[in-house]
Protein backbone atom coordinates (compact mmCIF):
# COMPACT_ATOMS: atom_id res chain seq x y z
CA MET A 1 -46.56 93.70 -92.02
CA SER A 2 -43.34 95.79 -93.38
CA LYS A 3 -42.34 99.02 -92.13
CA ARG A 4 -43.50 101.02 -95.13
CA PRO A 5 -47.34 99.81 -95.15
CA ARG A 6 -47.36 100.41 -91.53
CA ARG A 7 -46.26 103.66 -91.69
CA ALA A 8 -48.79 104.32 -94.31
CA VAL A 9 -51.53 102.94 -91.93
CA LEU A 10 -50.41 105.01 -89.13
CA ARG A 11 -50.62 108.12 -91.40
CA LEU A 12 -54.03 107.38 -92.43
CA ILE A 13 -55.19 106.66 -88.69
CA ALA A 14 -53.38 110.08 -87.72
CA VAL A 15 -55.40 111.98 -90.54
CA ALA A 16 -58.62 110.41 -89.61
CA VAL A 17 -58.24 111.71 -86.06
CA ILE A 18 -57.23 114.89 -86.78
CA ALA A 19 -60.43 115.24 -89.11
CA ALA A 20 -62.66 114.01 -86.44
CA LEU A 21 -60.96 116.55 -84.18
CA SER A 22 -61.88 119.36 -86.71
CA ILE A 23 -65.59 118.18 -86.75
CA VAL A 24 -65.84 118.53 -82.97
CA VAL A 25 -64.14 121.74 -82.66
CA GLY A 26 -65.74 123.41 -85.48
CA ARG A 27 -64.54 124.65 -88.98
CA THR A 28 -62.55 127.91 -89.51
CA PRO A 29 -63.47 130.43 -92.08
CA ALA A 30 -62.71 129.11 -95.94
CA SER A 31 -60.10 132.08 -96.24
CA ALA A 32 -58.23 130.90 -93.21
CA ALA A 33 -55.45 128.19 -92.66
CA SER A 34 -55.96 125.50 -90.12
CA TRP A 35 -53.14 123.88 -89.04
CA ASP A 36 -52.32 120.92 -86.62
CA CYS A 37 -49.07 120.73 -84.45
CA TYR A 38 -47.79 117.68 -82.87
CA ILE A 39 -45.31 117.76 -79.99
CA TYR A 40 -43.71 114.82 -78.10
CA ASN A 41 -44.12 116.35 -74.93
CA PRO A 42 -47.16 114.70 -73.34
CA VAL A 43 -47.52 116.99 -70.34
CA ALA A 44 -49.08 120.49 -70.81
CA THR A 45 -47.41 122.10 -67.69
CA VAL A 46 -43.72 121.82 -68.89
CA ALA A 47 -41.95 124.91 -70.32
CA ALA A 48 -41.65 123.34 -73.85
CA VAL A 49 -45.25 123.07 -73.89
CA ARG A 50 -46.20 126.38 -72.20
CA GLY A 51 -43.62 128.09 -74.76
CA MET A 52 -45.15 126.18 -77.74
CA ASN A 53 -48.62 127.75 -76.81
CA ARG A 54 -47.18 131.18 -76.47
CA ILE A 55 -45.79 130.62 -80.05
CA ILE A 56 -49.38 129.59 -81.33
CA ASP A 57 -51.14 132.25 -79.33
CA ALA A 58 -48.92 135.25 -80.89
CA ALA A 59 -48.81 133.50 -84.38
CA GLN A 60 -52.91 133.20 -84.22
CA LYS A 61 -53.43 137.00 -82.99
CA GLY A 62 -50.64 138.41 -85.38
CA SER A 63 -52.38 136.67 -88.42
CA GLY A 64 -55.88 138.55 -87.63
CA GLY A 65 -57.49 135.12 -88.06
CA ALA A 66 -55.65 134.02 -91.26
CA LEU A 67 -54.01 131.11 -89.18
CA THR A 68 -55.16 129.07 -86.49
CA ILE A 69 -52.99 126.24 -85.17
CA ARG A 70 -54.31 123.25 -82.76
CA LEU A 71 -51.91 121.79 -80.49
CA HIS A 72 -51.65 118.16 -79.95
CA LEU A 73 -49.60 116.62 -76.95
CA GLY A 74 -47.52 114.01 -77.29
CA GLY A 75 -49.38 110.40 -77.34
CA SER A 76 -52.52 112.21 -78.55
CA LEU A 77 -52.23 111.06 -82.14
CA PRO A 78 -50.81 107.85 -83.61
CA ILE A 79 -47.56 109.56 -84.62
CA ASN A 80 -44.34 108.28 -83.07
CA THR A 81 -42.07 110.63 -81.57
CA THR A 82 -39.26 109.87 -83.66
CA ASN A 83 -41.57 110.27 -86.98
CA ILE A 84 -42.54 113.74 -86.29
CA THR A 85 -40.28 114.86 -89.08
CA GLN A 86 -41.89 112.61 -91.44
CA ALA A 87 -45.60 113.38 -90.28
CA VAL A 88 -44.69 117.11 -91.12
CA SER A 89 -42.89 116.02 -94.18
CA ASP A 90 -45.84 114.03 -95.53
CA GLY A 91 -48.35 117.08 -94.38
CA VAL A 92 -50.22 114.73 -91.70
CA VAL A 93 -49.58 117.62 -89.64
CA GLN A 94 -48.39 120.93 -90.77
CA MET A 95 -46.26 121.97 -87.79
CA GLY A 96 -44.14 120.05 -85.18
CA ASP A 97 -41.71 120.36 -81.99
CA ASP A 98 -39.06 117.83 -83.43
CA GLY A 99 -36.62 116.58 -80.55
CA TYR A 100 -36.29 113.06 -81.92
CA PHE A 101 -35.23 113.77 -85.54
CA LEU A 102 -31.76 111.99 -85.80
CA GLY A 103 -32.99 109.10 -87.81
CA ASN A 104 -34.30 111.33 -90.29
CA ILE A 105 -31.66 114.36 -89.88
CA PRO A 106 -28.58 112.38 -89.04
CA ILE A 107 -26.13 115.26 -89.58
CA ALA A 108 -27.76 117.09 -86.55
CA GLY A 109 -26.19 114.59 -84.21
CA ILE A 110 -22.91 116.44 -83.87
CA LEU A 111 -24.71 118.77 -81.54
CA ARG A 112 -25.74 115.59 -79.51
CA LEU A 113 -22.14 114.11 -79.24
CA PRO A 114 -21.68 113.37 -75.89
CA MET A 115 -18.96 115.77 -73.90
CA LEU A 116 -18.06 117.51 -77.08
CA ILE A 117 -20.18 120.83 -76.08
CA ARG A 118 -19.99 121.72 -72.67
CA THR A 119 -21.67 125.31 -72.11
CA GLU A 120 -24.49 126.85 -73.53
CA ASP A 121 -22.05 129.52 -75.15
CA GLU A 122 -20.36 126.84 -76.81
CA TYR A 123 -23.62 125.38 -77.99
CA GLN A 124 -24.71 128.48 -79.43
CA LYS A 125 -21.50 128.96 -81.32
CA ALA A 126 -21.91 125.49 -82.71
CA ILE A 127 -25.36 126.08 -83.73
CA ALA A 128 -24.29 129.10 -86.05
CA ILE A 129 -22.24 126.70 -87.70
CA MET A 130 -24.63 123.71 -87.82
CA GLU A 131 -27.69 125.52 -88.97
CA PRO A 132 -27.10 125.76 -92.63
CA TYR A 133 -26.32 121.78 -92.72
CA ILE A 134 -29.45 121.21 -90.84
CA ASP A 135 -31.91 123.65 -92.71
CA ALA A 136 -30.54 121.79 -96.01
CA ALA A 137 -31.40 118.28 -94.75
CA TYR A 138 -34.92 119.32 -93.64
CA ALA A 139 -35.38 121.28 -96.82
CA LYS A 140 -34.90 117.91 -98.71
CA LYS A 141 -37.98 116.64 -97.07
CA GLY A 142 -40.09 119.61 -97.88
CA VAL A 143 -39.82 121.05 -94.45
CA VAL A 144 -38.93 124.53 -93.09
CA VAL A 145 -36.95 125.22 -89.88
CA LEU A 146 -38.22 127.99 -87.99
CA GLY A 147 -36.28 127.93 -84.83
CA GLN A 148 -34.82 125.88 -81.96
CA TYR A 149 -34.72 125.74 -78.30
CA ILE A 150 -32.51 123.81 -75.79
CA TYR A 151 -32.75 121.66 -72.61
CA PRO A 152 -30.08 122.12 -70.01
CA PHE A 153 -27.88 119.24 -69.97
CA GLN A 154 -29.08 115.60 -70.06
CA VAL A 155 -28.14 114.00 -66.94
CA MET A 156 -28.56 110.26 -65.54
CA TRP A 157 -31.37 109.26 -63.58
CA SER A 158 -32.40 105.66 -61.96
CA ARG A 159 -34.31 103.63 -59.75
CA LYS A 160 -31.01 101.93 -58.80
CA THR A 161 -28.19 102.95 -57.19
CA LEU A 162 -26.36 105.73 -59.61
CA THR A 163 -23.90 107.99 -57.95
CA THR A 164 -20.81 107.19 -59.98
CA LEU A 165 -19.83 106.47 -63.66
CA SER A 166 -19.29 102.91 -62.55
CA ASP A 167 -22.82 102.33 -61.48
CA VAL A 168 -23.86 102.62 -65.26
CA LYS A 169 -22.81 99.04 -65.76
CA GLY A 170 -25.60 96.55 -66.28
CA GLN A 171 -28.41 99.20 -65.93
CA LYS A 172 -30.83 99.63 -68.92
CA ILE A 173 -30.80 103.48 -69.53
CA ARG A 174 -33.49 105.13 -71.89
CA VAL A 175 -31.56 107.33 -74.22
CA THR A 176 -32.72 110.10 -76.42
CA SER A 177 -30.37 109.47 -79.28
CA PRO A 178 -27.69 106.83 -80.75
CA GLU A 179 -24.97 108.92 -79.52
CA GLN A 180 -25.99 108.91 -76.16
CA GLY A 181 -26.44 105.10 -76.50
CA GLU A 182 -22.87 104.93 -77.45
CA PHE A 183 -21.76 106.65 -74.36
CA ILE A 184 -23.98 104.12 -71.90
CA LYS A 185 -22.34 100.92 -73.95
CA ARG A 186 -18.93 102.18 -73.61
CA PHE A 187 -19.68 102.29 -69.83
CA GLY A 188 -21.37 98.88 -69.56
CA GLY A 189 -25.04 100.23 -69.82
CA VAL A 190 -27.59 98.87 -72.03
CA PRO A 191 -29.26 101.73 -73.92
CA LEU A 192 -32.74 101.67 -75.08
CA THR A 193 -34.79 103.97 -77.28
CA LEU A 194 -38.12 105.10 -75.86
CA GLY A 195 -40.83 108.10 -76.64
CA ALA A 196 -41.57 110.47 -73.77
CA PRO A 197 -45.08 108.86 -73.31
CA GLU A 198 -43.78 105.39 -73.07
CA VAL A 199 -41.20 105.94 -70.37
CA PRO A 200 -43.54 106.18 -67.06
CA ALA A 201 -44.86 102.57 -67.91
CA ALA A 202 -41.30 101.18 -68.91
CA LEU A 203 -39.87 102.37 -65.48
CA ASP A 204 -42.90 101.05 -63.40
CA ARG A 205 -42.77 97.72 -65.30
CA GLY A 206 -38.69 97.56 -65.26
CA VAL A 207 -38.36 97.41 -68.75
CA ILE A 208 -35.73 100.42 -68.19
CA ASP A 209 -33.99 101.17 -64.85
CA GLY A 210 -33.09 104.92 -65.77
CA VAL A 211 -33.15 107.77 -68.11
CA LEU A 212 -31.01 110.63 -69.53
CA THR A 213 -32.67 113.99 -69.29
CA ALA A 214 -32.93 117.08 -67.69
CA SER A 215 -34.72 118.04 -64.39
CA SER A 216 -36.68 120.62 -66.25
CA GLY A 217 -37.58 118.06 -68.80
CA GLY A 218 -38.45 114.29 -67.85
CA GLY A 219 -36.71 114.39 -64.55
CA ASN A 220 -39.48 116.39 -62.82
CA THR A 221 -42.10 114.47 -64.71
CA TRP A 222 -40.94 111.36 -63.83
CA LYS A 223 -39.35 111.95 -60.59
CA ASP A 224 -41.91 109.60 -58.76
CA LEU A 225 -40.44 106.54 -60.53
CA LEU A 226 -36.86 107.50 -59.81
CA LYS A 227 -34.50 107.41 -56.68
CA PHE A 228 -31.10 108.79 -58.09
CA ASN A 229 -29.86 111.48 -60.15
CA TYR A 230 -26.21 111.49 -61.16
CA ARG A 231 -25.25 114.84 -62.66
CA LEU A 232 -22.62 114.05 -65.05
CA GLY A 233 -23.77 116.30 -68.23
CA LEU A 234 -23.40 114.63 -71.50
CA ASN A 235 -25.01 116.79 -74.11
CA TYR A 236 -27.53 119.48 -74.77
CA PHE A 237 -31.19 118.38 -76.07
CA ASN A 238 -32.11 120.63 -78.91
CA SER A 239 -35.60 120.51 -80.29
CA ILE A 240 -36.42 122.29 -83.60
CA VAL A 241 -39.66 123.87 -84.55
CA ILE A 242 -40.66 122.96 -87.99
CA VAL A 243 -43.36 123.32 -90.75
CA ASN A 244 -44.58 121.73 -93.76
CA LYS A 245 -42.78 123.88 -96.94
CA ALA A 246 -46.23 123.64 -98.90
CA ALA A 247 -48.54 124.66 -96.04
CA PHE A 248 -46.10 127.26 -95.32
CA ASP A 249 -45.77 128.60 -98.78
CA ALA A 250 -49.64 128.76 -99.01
CA LEU A 251 -49.47 131.23 -96.26
CA LYS A 252 -49.34 135.14 -97.22
CA PRO A 253 -46.09 136.53 -96.70
CA GLU A 254 -47.07 138.81 -93.86
CA VAL A 255 -48.64 135.79 -92.07
CA GLN A 256 -45.48 133.76 -92.61
CA GLY A 257 -43.78 136.67 -90.92
CA LYS A 258 -45.69 136.79 -88.01
CA LEU A 259 -45.06 132.89 -87.76
CA ARG A 260 -41.61 133.36 -87.90
CA GLN A 261 -41.59 136.30 -85.36
CA ALA A 262 -43.59 134.40 -82.94
CA VAL A 263 -41.04 131.44 -82.98
CA SER A 264 -38.11 133.87 -82.76
CA ASP A 265 -39.63 135.77 -79.74
CA ASN A 266 -40.12 132.67 -77.56
CA MET A 267 -37.26 130.25 -78.34
CA PRO A 268 -35.26 132.15 -76.08
CA TRP A 269 -37.80 132.24 -73.25
CA ILE A 270 -38.34 128.22 -73.54
CA THR A 271 -34.64 127.94 -73.24
CA GLN A 272 -34.01 130.64 -70.32
CA THR A 273 -37.10 129.08 -68.32
CA MET A 274 -35.97 125.54 -68.60
CA ARG A 275 -32.44 126.96 -67.23
CA ALA A 276 -33.94 128.82 -64.46
CA GLU A 277 -36.01 126.11 -63.53
CA GLU A 278 -33.15 123.36 -63.55
CA GLU A 279 -31.51 124.27 -60.25
CA GLU A 280 -34.58 125.07 -58.53
CA LEU A 281 -36.41 121.67 -59.39
CA THR A 282 -32.94 119.76 -58.74
CA ARG A 283 -32.98 121.04 -55.23
CA LYS A 284 -36.53 120.33 -54.34
CA MET A 285 -36.12 117.06 -55.72
CA ALA A 286 -33.07 116.34 -53.43
CA ALA A 287 -35.32 117.82 -50.59
CA GLY A 288 -38.06 115.33 -51.50
CA GLY A 289 -35.60 112.18 -51.16
CA MET A 290 -33.89 112.19 -54.22
CA THR A 291 -30.18 110.95 -54.10
CA VAL A 292 -28.60 113.76 -56.07
CA THR A 293 -24.97 113.50 -56.83
CA PRO A 294 -22.75 115.90 -58.58
CA ALA A 295 -20.17 114.21 -61.17
CA SER A 296 -16.54 114.03 -59.59
CA ALA A 297 -13.68 115.52 -61.70
CA ALA A 298 -12.16 112.09 -61.80
CA ASP A 299 -15.46 110.72 -63.55
CA VAL A 300 -15.74 113.73 -65.93
CA ALA A 301 -12.06 113.19 -67.11
CA THR A 302 -12.74 109.37 -67.32
CA ALA A 303 -15.94 110.11 -69.41
CA GLU A 304 -14.29 112.48 -71.70
CA LYS A 305 -11.43 110.30 -72.49
CA ALA A 306 -13.60 107.32 -73.04
CA ILE A 307 -15.92 109.05 -75.46
CA ALA A 308 -13.70 111.47 -77.39
CA PRO A 309 -12.24 109.03 -80.10
CA TYR A 310 -16.26 108.30 -80.94
CA TRP A 311 -16.43 111.83 -81.99
CA GLN A 312 -14.43 111.08 -85.05
CA GLU A 313 -15.67 107.76 -85.82
CA TRP A 314 -19.25 108.87 -85.85
CA ALA A 315 -18.58 111.57 -88.33
CA SER A 316 -16.60 109.11 -90.57
CA ALA A 317 -19.76 106.85 -90.43
CA HIS A 318 -22.03 109.57 -91.90
CA GLY A 319 -19.92 110.58 -94.48
CA PRO A 320 -17.62 113.55 -96.00
CA GLU A 321 -20.43 116.42 -95.15
CA ALA A 322 -20.29 114.88 -91.20
CA VAL A 323 -16.79 115.12 -91.34
CA GLU A 324 -16.46 118.54 -92.71
CA ALA A 325 -19.08 119.81 -90.23
CA LEU A 326 -17.32 118.04 -87.29
CA GLY A 327 -14.19 119.66 -88.27
CA LYS A 328 -15.54 123.17 -88.05
CA VAL A 329 -17.01 122.71 -84.72
CA ARG A 330 -14.09 121.14 -83.46
CA GLN A 331 -11.78 123.76 -84.54
CA MET A 332 -14.39 126.45 -83.05
CA LEU A 333 -14.16 124.60 -79.84
CA GLY A 334 -10.58 123.84 -79.92
CA ARG A 335 -11.21 120.24 -79.08
């Protein structure tokens, strides 16, 4: 079966599942908009999911019953994590927490280039440059961007010994972007792309040896399957809250405003909560037996030197707009 028919079948299945759930939980008043929101996180207790629930609660209360939103955890619908952009575009779901968007919004990969952005302050300056490019790319797909939050630095974890950069060689590492994959390849590793719901089984079966994630993300969720944490920060992982434009335009302006405000109010909360959790969770995992190793200055310098040429290679491969955008970001960063 070709990719297009398979995608169409999955969309039909997703629509059917959502319709069945609607029958089970009951109907909303005819005057109210009833939305479905799909997120890639399969665990309800992580900060990102708690933050999305805060957004939904605030938006629903603010709308006075004019908007209801049902949250679906990762893996609960037949929507691959890399297809959330398309699912929202097609109206399979009306809202999404989109972290694996690079196949659909490639220009946003500038924010994921390894070792390019090194602090949250630098990230905020970079996103100010990148927002118009990202918004325009989503708009072409009939999708509206409401906001985004970021996870702490993506660092390396493994079942096998991983305490220096040289230990990457030969290991199968799950990555969250092609850009991370390029870094792993340049140090002799084998990058693999998997959605979050697939990771535990892949670790358990040895399909992958390790992952790139933050302690406050997958690190804490999958800690029982991992033994080593090598804290070389490659990049921040941003997640973008998106909605279907037609569904959004159908809302009354005041309801649109309440939804935008709910997202705007809670994006900083998610980022700050995960930042605060990162150090404490890492400390607890070390106390519990995880081998946690800070990256040496020598390894950081080696990593930067190896990957820096890739930044321009990446932009050139993605066209003039990417070259322009990366140029602005590098000029701002001074690198």
